[in-house]
Amino acid sequence: MSFFIETAAAESAAPAGGDPSSLLIMMVVFAAVFYFMIWRPQAKRTKDHKNLMEALSKGDEIVTNGGVVGKLAKVGDDFVTVTIAEGVDMHFQKGAIASVLPKGTIKSI
């Protein structure tokens, strides 16, 4: 009978945690999911927006983050001047430009 009691006591004294390698595998899987689902797409969007800012030129038709549509009249280092109507110019930071529209979009609106 004492043999069964010693075996039960030895089993209950075993550590409750799992294999340390399974923790390492879970951390690697979590890091891979984080990279492919969050980090990489955000880095791609940032790179695309930076390329858009560098490619801006006078005459481009743009839309801002606020939804203002216009044509670039002047492009500076940090700011741009956007003509939204005949004789109406607005100044924006370059980072406020959301996208460049195809030529002729303003006339079709």
Protein backbone atom coordinates (compact mmCIF):
# COMPACT_ATOMS: atom_id res chain seq x y z
CA MET A 1 0.00 0.00 0.00
CA SER A 2 2.85 2.41 0.76
CA PHE A 3 4.09 1.89 -2.83
CA PHE A 4 0.88 3.46 -4.21
CA ILE A 5 1.08 6.38 -1.82
CA GLU A 6 4.70 7.13 -2.79
CA THR A 7 3.83 6.95 -6.51
CA ALA A 8 0.89 9.31 -6.09
CA ALA A 9 3.02 11.76 -4.10
CA ALA A 10 5.75 11.68 -6.75
CA GLU A 11 3.22 12.37 -9.54
CA SER A 12 1.68 15.31 -7.67
CA ALA A 13 5.16 16.82 -7.11
CA ALA A 14 5.83 16.94 -10.88
CA PRO A 15 5.97 20.47 -12.32
CA ALA A 16 2.67 21.77 -13.66
CA GLY A 17 4.26 23.58 -16.65
CA GLY A 18 4.70 22.09 -20.08
CA ASP A 19 7.76 21.56 -22.17
CA PRO A 20 9.89 24.74 -22.48
CA SER A 21 10.31 24.13 -26.21
CA SER A 22 6.55 24.46 -26.73
CA LEU A 23 6.71 27.93 -25.19
CA LEU A 24 9.50 28.84 -27.60
CA ILE A 25 7.48 27.55 -30.56
CA MET A 26 4.43 29.56 -29.48
CA MET A 27 6.54 32.72 -29.18
CA VAL A 28 7.96 32.21 -32.69
CA VAL A 29 4.46 31.63 -34.10
CA PHE A 30 3.16 34.74 -32.33
CA ALA A 31 6.06 36.81 -33.69
CA ALA A 32 5.44 35.53 -37.23
CA VAL A 33 1.72 36.36 -37.02
CA PHE A 34 2.54 39.82 -35.66
CA TYR A 35 5.03 40.44 -38.48
CA PHE A 36 2.84 39.28 -41.35
CA MET A 37 -0.47 40.69 -40.10
CA ILE A 38 0.59 44.02 -38.56
CA TRP A 39 4.17 45.14 -39.13
CA ARG A 40 4.67 44.30 -42.81
CA PRO A 41 1.40 45.81 -44.17
CA GLN A 42 1.93 49.00 -42.18
CA ALA A 43 5.49 49.34 -43.42
CA LYS A 44 4.25 48.85 -47.00
CA ARG A 45 1.60 51.58 -46.60
CA THR A 46 4.18 53.95 -45.13
CA LYS A 47 6.59 53.30 -47.99
CA ASP A 48 3.85 53.81 -50.61
CA HIS A 49 2.78 57.11 -49.01
CA LYS A 50 6.39 58.32 -48.88
CA ASN A 51 6.81 57.52 -52.59
CA LEU A 52 3.56 59.38 -53.31
CA MET A 53 4.85 62.47 -51.48
CA GLU A 54 8.11 62.41 -53.44
CA ALA A 55 6.34 62.02 -56.80
CA LEU A 56 4.00 65.02 -56.40
CA SER A 57 4.30 67.64 -59.11
CA LYS A 58 2.52 70.78 -60.23
CA GLY A 59 -0.72 70.01 -62.07
CA ASP A 60 -1.49 66.71 -60.31
CA GLU A 61 -5.10 66.27 -59.26
CA ILE A 62 -5.23 65.18 -55.64
CA VAL A 63 -7.59 64.43 -52.78
CA THR A 64 -6.68 65.28 -49.18
CA ASN A 65 -7.39 63.29 -46.03
CA GLY A 66 -10.27 65.70 -45.37
CA GLY A 67 -11.84 64.99 -48.75
CA VAL A 68 -10.86 68.22 -50.51
CA VAL A 69 -10.30 67.66 -54.25
CA GLY A 70 -8.09 70.02 -56.21
CA LYS A 71 -5.13 70.57 -58.49
CA LEU A 72 -1.64 71.24 -57.22
CA ALA A 73 -0.54 74.78 -58.03
CA LYS A 74 2.72 74.80 -56.07
CA VAL A 75 4.75 72.04 -54.43
CA GLY A 76 7.22 72.88 -51.66
CA ASP A 77 9.32 70.79 -49.32
CA ASP A 78 6.71 70.56 -46.55
CA PHE A 79 3.63 72.33 -47.93
CA VAL A 80 1.61 72.37 -51.14
CA THR A 81 -0.80 74.90 -52.62
CA VAL A 82 -4.00 73.35 -53.96
CA THR A 83 -6.36 75.16 -56.32
CA ILE A 84 -9.88 73.97 -55.48
CA ALA A 85 -11.76 76.48 -57.68
CA GLU A 86 -10.98 79.37 -60.00
CA GLY A 87 -9.03 81.84 -57.84
CA VAL A 88 -9.37 79.79 -54.63
CA ASP A 89 -6.10 78.36 -53.31
CA MET A 90 -5.56 76.44 -50.08
CA HIS A 91 -2.32 75.49 -48.38
CA PHE A 92 -1.85 71.96 -47.00
CA GLN A 93 0.94 69.96 -45.48
CA LYS A 94 2.24 67.33 -47.87
CA GLY A 95 1.29 64.57 -45.44
CA ALA A 96 -2.39 65.57 -45.71
CA ILE A 97 -2.57 64.35 -49.30
CA ALA A 98 -4.32 60.99 -49.40
CA SER A 99 -3.95 60.11 -53.08
CA VAL A 100 -3.33 61.37 -56.60
CA LEU A 101 -6.35 61.16 -58.90
CA PRO A 102 -6.24 60.31 -62.61
CA LYS A 103 -6.07 63.31 -64.96
CA GLY A 104 -9.52 64.74 -65.80
CA THR A 105 -11.19 63.58 -62.60
CA ILE A 106 -12.01 67.12 -61.43
CA LYS A 107 -13.79 67.98 -64.68
CA SER A 108 -15.87 64.80 -64.51
CA ILE A 109 -17.15 65.61 -61.03
